[in-house]
């Protein structure tokens, strides 16, 4: 496949279903990502407790009940809090930024405090967000986390979303020296054109929730339908490494996530 810079505009419609190498951002893309993703504390909150991702206008609830749990407990002990939002995008022929999806990163604050509070509770959030060891520890422990994606179905083909994840997951698993292959195969099988049927859409786009439930269970939910569970701790870590590992798909979002979690550990979030 030729570089994007060498493509004719006539070729552009076809790249949306081709497999392309877009794991990680170059400097130009990274700068654009930094402009598009703001700190959670700076977002506009509506009366329904949503956060608006500024580049896409997509709304993310500040609290999320994870996919893997059937029954809610009193007091919201299973609820996850929104730690940061951002976008996954790729620069096309230097003309425009193709926004593949917007994402929100959620985590259970009680498990965060229980697992990492003694190690990081005394570290200032502004310092903590820059500590690579902090993000490594988040991925090392099973903290009950979710990522919510919103895919703009009118502008992005599902093949591009699938290619993005397939490339990223294989790269992350290779970095981990993991032989996990079945999880990637099953995960990629979820991404069919049926995923974009109107029955699963709201006015924003297709909402997909991914939940890492302690025990190495990775649940996927599209709209109101749970479509599968993958049982693999390596797969869970590889998936979330896309957002808070190195390199993240959005640097600013990663640091915002670290800052928010730092405030939670510091007792101010």
C-alpha atoms as a PDB file:
ATOM      1  CA  UNK A   1       0.000   0.000   0.000  1.00  0.00           C
ATOM      2  CA  UNK A   2       1.504   3.389  -0.975  1.00  0.00           C
ATOM      3  CA  UNK A   3       1.987   6.112   1.645  1.00  0.00           C
ATOM      4  CA  UNK A   4      -1.015   8.365   2.240  1.00  0.00           C
ATOM      5  CA  UNK A   5       0.991  11.298   0.857  1.00  0.00           C
ATOM      6  CA  UNK A   6       1.289   9.548  -2.539  1.00  0.00           C
ATOM      7  CA  UNK A   7      -2.398   8.702  -2.881  1.00  0.00           C
ATOM      8  CA  UNK A   8      -4.782  10.390  -5.261  1.00  0.00           C
ATOM      9  CA  UNK A   9      -7.996  11.728  -3.693  1.00  0.00           C
ATOM     10  CA  UNK A  10      -9.840   9.225  -5.902  1.00  0.00           C
ATOM     11  CA  UNK A  11      -8.333   6.413  -3.832  1.00  0.00           C
ATOM     12  CA  UNK A  12      -9.542   7.748  -0.487  1.00  0.00           C
ATOM     13  CA  UNK A  13     -12.946   6.008  -0.354  1.00  0.00           C
ATOM     14  CA  UNK A  14     -11.215   2.653  -0.704  1.00  0.00           C
ATOM     15  CA  UNK A  15      -8.830   2.993   2.252  1.00  0.00           C
ATOM     16  CA  UNK A  16     -11.695   2.852   4.709  1.00  0.00           C
ATOM     17  CA  UNK A  17     -11.919  -0.910   4.322  1.00  0.00           C
ATOM     18  CA  UNK A  18      -8.238  -1.735   3.800  1.00  0.00           C
ATOM     19  CA  UNK A  19      -5.824  -2.934   6.459  1.00  0.00           C
ATOM     20  CA  UNK A  20      -3.408  -0.094   7.223  1.00  0.00           C
ATOM     21  CA  UNK A  21      -0.579   0.423   9.684  1.00  0.00           C
ATOM     22  CA  UNK A  22      -1.800   3.129  12.027  1.00  0.00           C
ATOM     23  CA  UNK A  23      -0.775   1.938  15.487  1.00  0.00           C
ATOM     24  CA  UNK A  24       0.879   4.947  17.117  1.00  0.00           C
ATOM     25  CA  UNK A  25       0.912   8.554  15.947  1.00  0.00           C
ATOM     26  CA  UNK A  26       3.606  10.543  14.217  1.00  0.00           C
ATOM     27  CA  UNK A  27       4.537  14.007  15.501  1.00  0.00           C
ATOM     28  CA  UNK A  28       2.063  15.878  13.321  1.00  0.00           C
ATOM     29  CA  UNK A  29      -0.839  13.625  14.292  1.00  0.00           C
ATOM     30  CA  UNK A  30       0.186  13.809  17.928  1.00  0.00           C
ATOM     31  CA  UNK A  31       0.003  17.604  17.909  1.00  0.00           C
ATOM     32  CA  UNK A  32      -3.446  17.456  16.365  1.00  0.00           C
ATOM     33  CA  UNK A  33      -4.526  14.929  18.981  1.00  0.00           C
ATOM     34  CA  UNK A  34      -3.274  17.172  21.772  1.00  0.00           C
ATOM     35  CA  UNK A  35      -5.430  20.007  20.488  1.00  0.00           C
ATOM     36  CA  UNK A  36      -8.506  17.787  20.274  1.00  0.00           C
ATOM     37  CA  UNK A  37      -8.387  16.144  23.714  1.00  0.00           C
ATOM     38  CA  UNK A  38      -8.823  18.319  26.803  1.00  0.00           C
ATOM     39  CA  UNK A  39      -8.666  17.583  30.503  1.00  0.00           C
ATOM     40  CA  UNK A  40     -11.753  16.057  32.046  1.00  0.00           C
ATOM     41  CA  UNK A  41     -11.849  18.941  34.513  1.00  0.00           C
ATOM     42  CA  UNK A  42     -12.142  21.386  31.588  1.00  0.00           C
ATOM     43  CA  UNK A  43     -15.014  19.660  29.796  1.00  0.00           C
ATOM     44  CA  UNK A  44     -18.551  20.982  29.664  1.00  0.00           C
ATOM     45  CA  UNK A  45     -20.838  19.021  31.973  1.00  0.00           C
ATOM     46  CA  UNK A  46     -24.533  18.893  31.147  1.00  0.00           C
ATOM     47  CA  UNK A  47     -27.366  18.462  33.622  1.00  0.00           C
ATOM     48  CA  UNK A  48     -27.398  14.740  32.726  1.00  0.00           C
ATOM     49  CA  UNK A  49     -23.743  14.422  33.877  1.00  0.00           C
ATOM     50  CA  UNK A  50     -22.178  13.940  30.474  1.00  0.00           C
ATOM     51  CA  UNK A  51     -18.784  15.024  29.235  1.00  0.00           C
ATOM     52  CA  UNK A  52     -18.520  16.308  25.666  1.00  0.00           C
ATOM     53  CA  UNK A  53     -15.480  15.310  23.634  1.00  0.00           C
ATOM     54  CA  UNK A  54     -14.785  18.660  21.917  1.00  0.00           C
ATOM     55  CA  UNK A  55     -13.462  17.462  18.564  1.00  0.00           C
ATOM     56  CA  UNK A  56     -16.412  15.198  17.753  1.00  0.00           C
ATOM     57  CA  UNK A  57     -19.137  16.562  20.011  1.00  0.00           C
ATOM     58  CA  UNK A  58     -19.839  13.036  21.259  1.00  0.00           C
ATOM     59  CA  UNK A  59     -21.131  12.746  24.826  1.00  0.00           C
ATOM     60  CA  UNK A  60     -19.771  10.381  27.476  1.00  0.00           C
ATOM     61  CA  UNK A  61     -21.504   9.753  30.822  1.00  0.00           C
ATOM     62  CA  UNK A  62     -19.421  10.616  33.851  1.00  0.00           C
ATOM     63  CA  UNK A  63     -20.399   7.268  35.415  1.00  0.00           C
ATOM     64  CA  UNK A  64     -20.688   3.899  33.712  1.00  0.00           C
ATOM     65  CA  UNK A  65     -22.054   0.571  34.915  1.00  0.00           C
ATOM     66  CA  UNK A  66     -19.729  -2.057  33.409  1.00  0.00           C
ATOM     67  CA  UNK A  67     -20.831  -4.701  30.923  1.00  0.00           C
ATOM     68  CA  UNK A  68     -19.658  -7.736  32.889  1.00  0.00           C
ATOM     69  CA  UNK A  69     -21.991  -7.290  35.853  1.00  0.00           C
ATOM     70  CA  UNK A  70     -25.648  -8.261  35.566  1.00  0.00           C
ATOM     71  CA  UNK A  71     -26.912  -6.754  38.823  1.00  0.00           C
ATOM     72  CA  UNK A  72     -26.132  -3.398  40.336  1.00  0.00           C
ATOM     73  CA  UNK A  73     -25.113  -3.245  43.990  1.00  0.00           C
ATOM     74  CA  UNK A  74     -26.455  -0.694  46.462  1.00  0.00           C
ATOM     75  CA  UNK A  75     -24.382   2.438  46.720  1.00  0.00           C
ATOM     76  CA  UNK A  76     -23.026   2.185  43.196  1.00  0.00           C
ATOM     77  CA  UNK A  77     -19.987   0.184  44.318  1.00  0.00           C
ATOM     78  CA  UNK A  78     -19.564  -1.258  40.819  1.00  0.00           C
ATOM     79  CA  UNK A  79     -19.885   2.064  39.019  1.00  0.00           C
ATOM     80  CA  UNK A  80     -16.864   3.286  37.098  1.00  0.00           C
ATOM     81  CA  UNK A  81     -15.909   6.963  36.770  1.00  0.00           C
ATOM     82  CA  UNK A  82     -14.843   8.714  33.587  1.00  0.00           C
ATOM     83  CA  UNK A  83     -11.115   9.507  33.733  1.00  0.00           C
ATOM     84  CA  UNK A  84     -10.532  10.981  30.287  1.00  0.00           C
ATOM     85  CA  UNK A  85     -11.732  11.209  26.695  1.00  0.00           C
ATOM     86  CA  UNK A  86      -9.974  11.528  23.345  1.00  0.00           C
ATOM     87  CA  UNK A  87     -10.125  10.575  19.700  1.00  0.00           C
ATOM     88  CA  UNK A  88      -8.443   7.957  17.539  1.00  0.00           C
ATOM     89  CA  UNK A  89      -7.615   9.397  14.160  1.00  0.00           C
ATOM     90  CA  UNK A  90      -5.312   9.176  11.168  1.00  0.00           C
ATOM     91  CA  UNK A  91      -4.010  11.955   8.944  1.00  0.00           C
ATOM     92  CA  UNK A  92      -5.083  11.524   5.318  1.00  0.00           C
ATOM     93  CA  UNK A  93      -2.869  13.049   2.572  1.00  0.00           C
ATOM     94  CA  UNK A  94      -2.087  16.046   4.796  1.00  0.00           C
ATOM     95  CA  UNK A  95      -5.535  17.401   3.930  1.00  0.00           C
ATOM     96  CA  UNK A  96      -7.692  16.321   6.811  1.00  0.00           C
ATOM     97  CA  UNK A  97      -7.790  14.308  10.003  1.00  0.00           C
ATOM     98  CA  UNK A  98     -10.006  11.239   9.695  1.00  0.00           C
ATOM     99  CA  UNK A  99     -11.588  10.697  13.099  1.00  0.00           C
ATOM    100  CA  UNK A 100     -12.027   6.943  13.493  1.00  0.00           C
ATOM    101  CA  UNK A 101     -13.730   7.051  16.875  1.00  0.00           C
ATOM    102  CA  UNK A 102     -14.002   8.991  20.112  1.00  0.00           C
ATOM    103  CA  UNK A 103     -13.317   7.156  23.357  1.00  0.00           C
ATOM    104  CA  UNK A 104     -13.887   7.471  27.075  1.00  0.00           C
ATOM    105  CA  UNK A 105     -11.756   5.677  29.669  1.00  0.00           C
ATOM    106  CA  UNK A 106     -13.468   4.460  32.866  1.00  0.00           C
ATOM    107  CA  UNK A 107     -12.190   2.865  36.058  1.00  0.00           C
ATOM    108  CA  UNK A 108     -13.572   1.673  39.407  1.00  0.00           C
ATOM    109  CA  UNK A 109     -12.232   4.178  41.996  1.00  0.00           C
ATOM    110  CA  UNK A 110     -12.641   1.804  44.938  1.00  0.00           C
ATOM    111  CA  UNK A 111     -10.430  -0.854  43.360  1.00  0.00           C
ATOM    112  CA  UNK A 112      -7.910   1.811  42.343  1.00  0.00           C
ATOM    113  CA  UNK A 113      -7.581   3.017  45.934  1.00  0.00           C
ATOM    114  CA  UNK A 114      -7.469  -0.523  47.323  1.00  0.00           C
ATOM    115  CA  UNK A 115      -4.757  -1.730  44.938  1.00  0.00           C
ATOM    116  CA  UNK A 116      -2.581   1.349  44.396  1.00  0.00           C
ATOM    117  CA  UNK A 117      -3.464   3.781  47.171  1.00  0.00           C
ATOM    118  CA  UNK A 118      -0.585   2.785  49.449  1.00  0.00           C
ATOM    119  CA  UNK A 119       1.982   3.231  46.664  1.00  0.00           C
ATOM    120  CA  UNK A 120       0.763   6.412  45.031  1.00  0.00           C
ATOM    121  CA  UNK A 121      -1.630   8.138  47.435  1.00  0.00           C
ATOM    122  CA  UNK A 122       1.112  10.547  48.552  1.00  0.00           C
ATOM    123  CA  UNK A 123       2.211  11.521  45.037  1.00  0.00           C
ATOM    124  CA  UNK A 124       0.850  14.755  43.606  1.00  0.00           C
ATOM    125  CA  UNK A 125      -1.462  14.140  40.605  1.00  0.00           C
ATOM    126  CA  UNK A 126       0.583  16.462  38.359  1.00  0.00           C
ATOM    127  CA  UNK A 127       3.640  14.303  39.039  1.00  0.00           C
ATOM    128  CA  UNK A 128       1.783  11.017  38.883  1.00  0.00           C
ATOM    129  CA  UNK A 129       0.430  11.578  35.363  1.00  0.00           C
ATOM    130  CA  UNK A 130       4.028  11.594  34.048  1.00  0.00           C
ATOM    131  CA  UNK A 131       5.160   8.408  35.833  1.00  0.00           C
ATOM    132  CA  UNK A 132       5.383   5.494  33.415  1.00  0.00           C
ATOM    133  CA  UNK A 133       5.539   3.099  36.391  1.00  0.00           C
ATOM    134  CA  UNK A 134       2.060   4.269  37.431  1.00  0.00           C
ATOM    135  CA  UNK A 135       0.518   3.275  34.113  1.00  0.00           C
ATOM    136  CA  UNK A 136       2.446   0.000  34.188  1.00  0.00           C
ATOM    137  CA  UNK A 137       0.946  -0.749  37.593  1.00  0.00           C
ATOM    138  CA  UNK A 138      -2.554   0.047  36.357  1.00  0.00           C
ATOM    139  CA  UNK A 139      -2.102  -2.544  33.610  1.00  0.00           C
ATOM    140  CA  UNK A 140      -0.452  -4.998  36.009  1.00  0.00           C
ATOM    141  CA  UNK A 141      -3.408  -4.952  38.412  1.00  0.00           C
ATOM    142  CA  UNK A 142      -6.983  -5.806  37.508  1.00  0.00           C
ATOM    143  CA  UNK A 143      -8.719  -2.587  38.449  1.00  0.00           C
ATOM    144  CA  UNK A 144     -12.096  -3.105  36.742  1.00  0.00           C
ATOM    145  CA  UNK A 145     -11.805  -0.789  33.727  1.00  0.00           C
ATOM    146  CA  UNK A 146     -13.814   0.033  30.613  1.00  0.00           C
ATOM    147  CA  UNK A 147     -13.353   1.890  27.359  1.00  0.00           C
ATOM    148  CA  UNK A 148     -16.410   3.274  25.566  1.00  0.00           C
ATOM    149  CA  UNK A 149     -16.090   3.918  21.839  1.00  0.00           C
ATOM    150  CA  UNK A 150     -18.395   6.019  19.713  1.00  0.00           C
ATOM    151  CA  UNK A 151     -17.932   5.401  15.982  1.00  0.00           C
ATOM    152  CA  UNK A 152     -19.381   7.926  13.528  1.00  0.00           C
ATOM    153  CA  UNK A 153     -21.128   5.451  11.243  1.00  0.00           C
ATOM    154  CA  UNK A 154     -21.676   7.907   8.396  1.00  0.00           C
ATOM    155  CA  UNK A 155     -17.983   8.669   7.956  1.00  0.00           C
ATOM    156  CA  UNK A 156     -16.077   5.540   8.974  1.00  0.00           C
ATOM    157  CA  UNK A 157     -16.346   2.017   7.593  1.00  0.00           C
ATOM    158  CA  UNK A 158     -16.260  -0.780  10.122  1.00  0.00           C
ATOM    159  CA  UNK A 159     -13.323  -2.307   8.216  1.00  0.00           C
ATOM    160  CA  UNK A 160     -11.128   0.601   9.249  1.00  0.00           C
ATOM    161  CA  UNK A 161     -12.075   0.211  12.912  1.00  0.00           C
ATOM    162  CA  UNK A 162     -11.253  -3.503  12.687  1.00  0.00           C
ATOM    163  CA  UNK A 163      -7.912  -2.879  10.957  1.00  0.00           C
ATOM    164  CA  UNK A 164      -6.971  -0.269  13.533  1.00  0.00           C
ATOM    165  CA  UNK A 165      -7.527  -2.637  16.432  1.00  0.00           C
ATOM    166  CA  UNK A 166      -6.024  -5.691  14.761  1.00  0.00           C
ATOM    167  CA  UNK A 167      -2.764  -3.876  14.048  1.00  0.00           C
ATOM    168  CA  UNK A 168      -2.625  -2.269  17.481  1.00  0.00           C
ATOM    169  CA  UNK A 169      -3.403  -5.459  19.407  1.00  0.00           C
ATOM    170  CA  UNK A 170      -0.825  -7.531  17.513  1.00  0.00           C
ATOM    171  CA  UNK A 171       1.826  -4.878  18.133  1.00  0.00           C
ATOM    172  CA  UNK A 172       1.009  -4.632  21.840  1.00  0.00           C
ATOM    173  CA  UNK A 173       0.993  -8.409  22.308  1.00  0.00           C
ATOM    174  CA  UNK A 174       4.302  -8.667  20.474  1.00  0.00           C
ATOM    175  CA  UNK A 175       5.726  -6.035  22.819  1.00  0.00           C
ATOM    176  CA  UNK A 176       4.487  -8.123  25.749  1.00  0.00           C
ATOM    177  CA  UNK A 177       6.083 -11.236  24.213  1.00  0.00           C
ATOM    178  CA  UNK A 178       2.675 -12.903  24.373  1.00  0.00           C
ATOM    179  CA  UNK A 179       1.553 -15.734  22.089  1.00  0.00           C
ATOM    180  CA  UNK A 180      -2.104 -14.740  22.445  1.00  0.00           C
ATOM    181  CA  UNK A 181      -3.692 -15.098  19.004  1.00  0.00           C
ATOM    182  CA  UNK A 182      -7.124 -16.549  19.616  1.00  0.00           C
ATOM    183  CA  UNK A 183      -8.324 -13.476  21.480  1.00  0.00           C
ATOM    184  CA  UNK A 184      -7.389 -11.204  18.575  1.00  0.00           C
ATOM    185  CA  UNK A 185      -9.129 -13.501  16.101  1.00  0.00           C
ATOM    186  CA  UNK A 186     -12.326 -13.600  18.164  1.00  0.00           C
ATOM    187  CA  UNK A 187     -12.218  -9.859  18.794  1.00  0.00           C
ATOM    188  CA  UNK A 188     -11.817  -9.029  15.092  1.00  0.00           C
ATOM    189  CA  UNK A 189     -14.715 -11.338  14.237  1.00  0.00           C
ATOM    190  CA  UNK A 190     -17.018  -8.913  16.085  1.00  0.00           C
ATOM    191  CA  UNK A 191     -16.430  -6.165  13.526  1.00  0.00           C
ATOM    192  CA  UNK A 192     -18.891  -6.892  10.740  1.00  0.00           C
ATOM    193  CA  UNK A 193     -21.158  -4.546   8.815  1.00  0.00           C
ATOM    194  CA  UNK A 194     -23.990  -5.674  11.093  1.00  0.00           C
ATOM    195  CA  UNK A 195     -22.308  -3.668  13.831  1.00  0.00           C
ATOM    196  CA  UNK A 196     -23.539  -0.484  12.144  1.00  0.00           C
ATOM    197  CA  UNK A 197     -27.170  -1.493  11.676  1.00  0.00           C
ATOM    198  CA  UNK A 198     -29.675   1.189  12.824  1.00  0.00           C
ATOM    199  CA  UNK A 199     -30.895  -1.061  15.640  1.00  0.00           C
ATOM    200  CA  UNK A 200     -27.583  -0.526  17.438  1.00  0.00           C
ATOM    201  CA  UNK A 201     -27.272   3.198  16.778  1.00  0.00           C
ATOM    202  CA  UNK A 202     -28.224   6.339  18.582  1.00  0.00           C
ATOM    203  CA  UNK A 203     -28.065   9.849  17.181  1.00  0.00           C
ATOM    204  CA  UNK A 204     -24.321  10.055  17.802  1.00  0.00           C
ATOM    205  CA  UNK A 205     -23.098   6.856  16.231  1.00  0.00           C
ATOM    206  CA  UNK A 206     -22.370   3.283  17.222  1.00  0.00           C
ATOM    207  CA  UNK A 207     -21.636   2.919  20.946  1.00  0.00           C
ATOM    208  CA  UNK A 208     -19.323   0.016  21.841  1.00  0.00           C
ATOM    209  CA  UNK A 209     -18.291  -0.771  25.431  1.00  0.00           C
ATOM    210  CA  UNK A 210     -15.240  -2.879  26.293  1.00  0.00           C
ATOM    211  CA  UNK A 211     -14.937  -4.023  29.913  1.00  0.00           C
ATOM    212  CA  UNK A 212     -11.958  -5.660  31.628  1.00  0.00           C
ATOM    213  CA  UNK A 213     -13.534  -7.522  34.520  1.00  0.00           C
ATOM    214  CA  UNK A 214     -11.101  -8.872  37.140  1.00  0.00           C
ATOM    215  CA  UNK A 215     -10.223 -12.454  36.379  1.00  0.00           C
ATOM    216  CA  UNK A 216      -9.088 -11.717  32.832  1.00  0.00           C
ATOM    217  CA  UNK A 217     -12.592 -11.431  31.377  1.00  0.00           C
ATOM    218  CA  UNK A 218     -12.974  -9.047  28.431  1.00  0.00           C
ATOM    219  CA  UNK A 219     -16.584  -8.230  27.596  1.00  0.00           C
ATOM    220  CA  UNK A 220     -17.824  -6.440  24.471  1.00  0.00           C
ATOM    221  CA  UNK A 221     -21.200  -4.755  24.228  1.00  0.00           C
ATOM    222  CA  UNK A 222     -22.708  -2.972  21.215  1.00  0.00           C
ATOM    223  CA  UNK A 223     -25.645  -0.764  22.074  1.00  0.00           C
ATOM    224  CA  UNK A 224     -27.731  -2.878  24.454  1.00  0.00           C
ATOM    225  CA  UNK A 225     -26.398  -6.241  23.277  1.00  0.00           C
ATOM    226  CA  UNK A 226     -23.469  -8.149  24.781  1.00  0.00           C
ATOM    227  CA  UNK A 227     -21.789  -9.798  21.795  1.00  0.00           C
ATOM    228  CA  UNK A 228     -18.966 -11.762  23.382  1.00  0.00           C
ATOM    229  CA  UNK A 229     -16.462 -12.437  26.162  1.00  0.00           C
ATOM    230  CA  UNK A 230     -12.774 -13.223  25.749  1.00  0.00           C
ATOM    231  CA  UNK A 231     -11.002 -14.969  28.619  1.00  0.00           C
ATOM    232  CA  UNK A 232      -7.396 -13.798  28.442  1.00  0.00           C
ATOM    233  CA  UNK A 233      -5.421 -11.617  30.827  1.00  0.00           C
ATOM    234  CA  UNK A 234      -2.842 -10.874  28.133  1.00  0.00           C
ATOM    235  CA  UNK A 235      -5.554  -9.686  25.768  1.00  0.00           C
ATOM    236  CA  UNK A 236      -7.048  -7.415  28.450  1.00  0.00           C
ATOM    237  CA  UNK A 237      -3.676  -5.823  29.124  1.00  0.00           C
ATOM    238  CA  UNK A 238      -2.877  -5.417  25.434  1.00  0.00           C
ATOM    239  CA  UNK A 239      -6.197  -3.696  24.746  1.00  0.00           C
ATOM    240  CA  UNK A 240      -5.909  -1.173  27.559  1.00  0.00           C
ATOM    241  CA  UNK A 241      -2.240  -0.643  26.759  1.00  0.00           C
ATOM    242  CA  UNK A 242      -3.486   1.020  23.559  1.00  0.00           C
ATOM    243  CA  UNK A 243      -4.810   3.899  25.683  1.00  0.00           C
ATOM    244  CA  UNK A 244      -2.401   4.189  28.615  1.00  0.00           C
ATOM    245  CA  UNK A 245       0.677   2.319  27.403  1.00  0.00           C
ATOM    246  CA  UNK A 246       3.474   3.466  25.095  1.00  0.00           C
ATOM    247  CA  UNK A 247       2.764   4.874  22.657  1.00  0.00           C
ATOM    248  CA  UNK A 248      -0.840   5.792  23.485  1.00  0.00           C
ATOM    249  CA  UNK A 249      -3.232   6.612  20.674  1.00  0.00           C
ATOM    250  CA  UNK A 250      -3.711  10.033  22.264  1.00  0.00           C
ATOM    251  CA  UNK A 251      -0.994  11.458  24.532  1.00  0.00           C
ATOM    252  CA  UNK A 252      -3.149  14.181  26.022  1.00  0.00           C
ATOM    253  CA  UNK A 253      -5.916  11.748  26.876  1.00  0.00           C
ATOM    254  CA  UNK A 254      -3.424   9.434  28.580  1.00  0.00           C
ATOM    255  CA  UNK A 255      -2.097  12.246  30.757  1.00  0.00           C
ATOM    256  CA  UNK A 256      -5.616  13.392  31.564  1.00  0.00           C
ATOM    257  CA  UNK A 257      -6.447   9.856  32.656  1.00  0.00           C
ATOM    258  CA  UNK A 258      -3.349   9.777  34.853  1.00  0.00           C
ATOM    259  CA  UNK A 259      -4.210  13.166  36.339  1.00  0.00           C
ATOM    260  CA  UNK A 260      -7.791  12.157  37.140  1.00  0.00           C
ATOM    261  CA  UNK A 261      -6.698   8.885  38.728  1.00  0.00           C
ATOM    262  CA  UNK A 262      -4.070  10.797  40.679  1.00  0.00           C
ATOM    263  CA  UNK A 263      -6.794  13.044  42.097  1.00  0.00           C
ATOM    264  CA  UNK A 264      -8.818   9.970  43.079  1.00  0.00           C
ATOM    265  CA  UNK A 265      -5.822   8.480  44.895  1.00  0.00           C
ATOM    266  CA  UNK A 266      -5.022  11.834  46.458  1.00  0.00           C
ATOM    267  CA  UNK A 267      -8.558  12.081  47.817  1.00  0.00           C
ATOM    268  CA  UNK A 268      -9.515  15.070  45.692  1.00  0.00           C
ATOM    269  CA  UNK A 269     -11.298  13.369  42.795  1.00  0.00           C
END
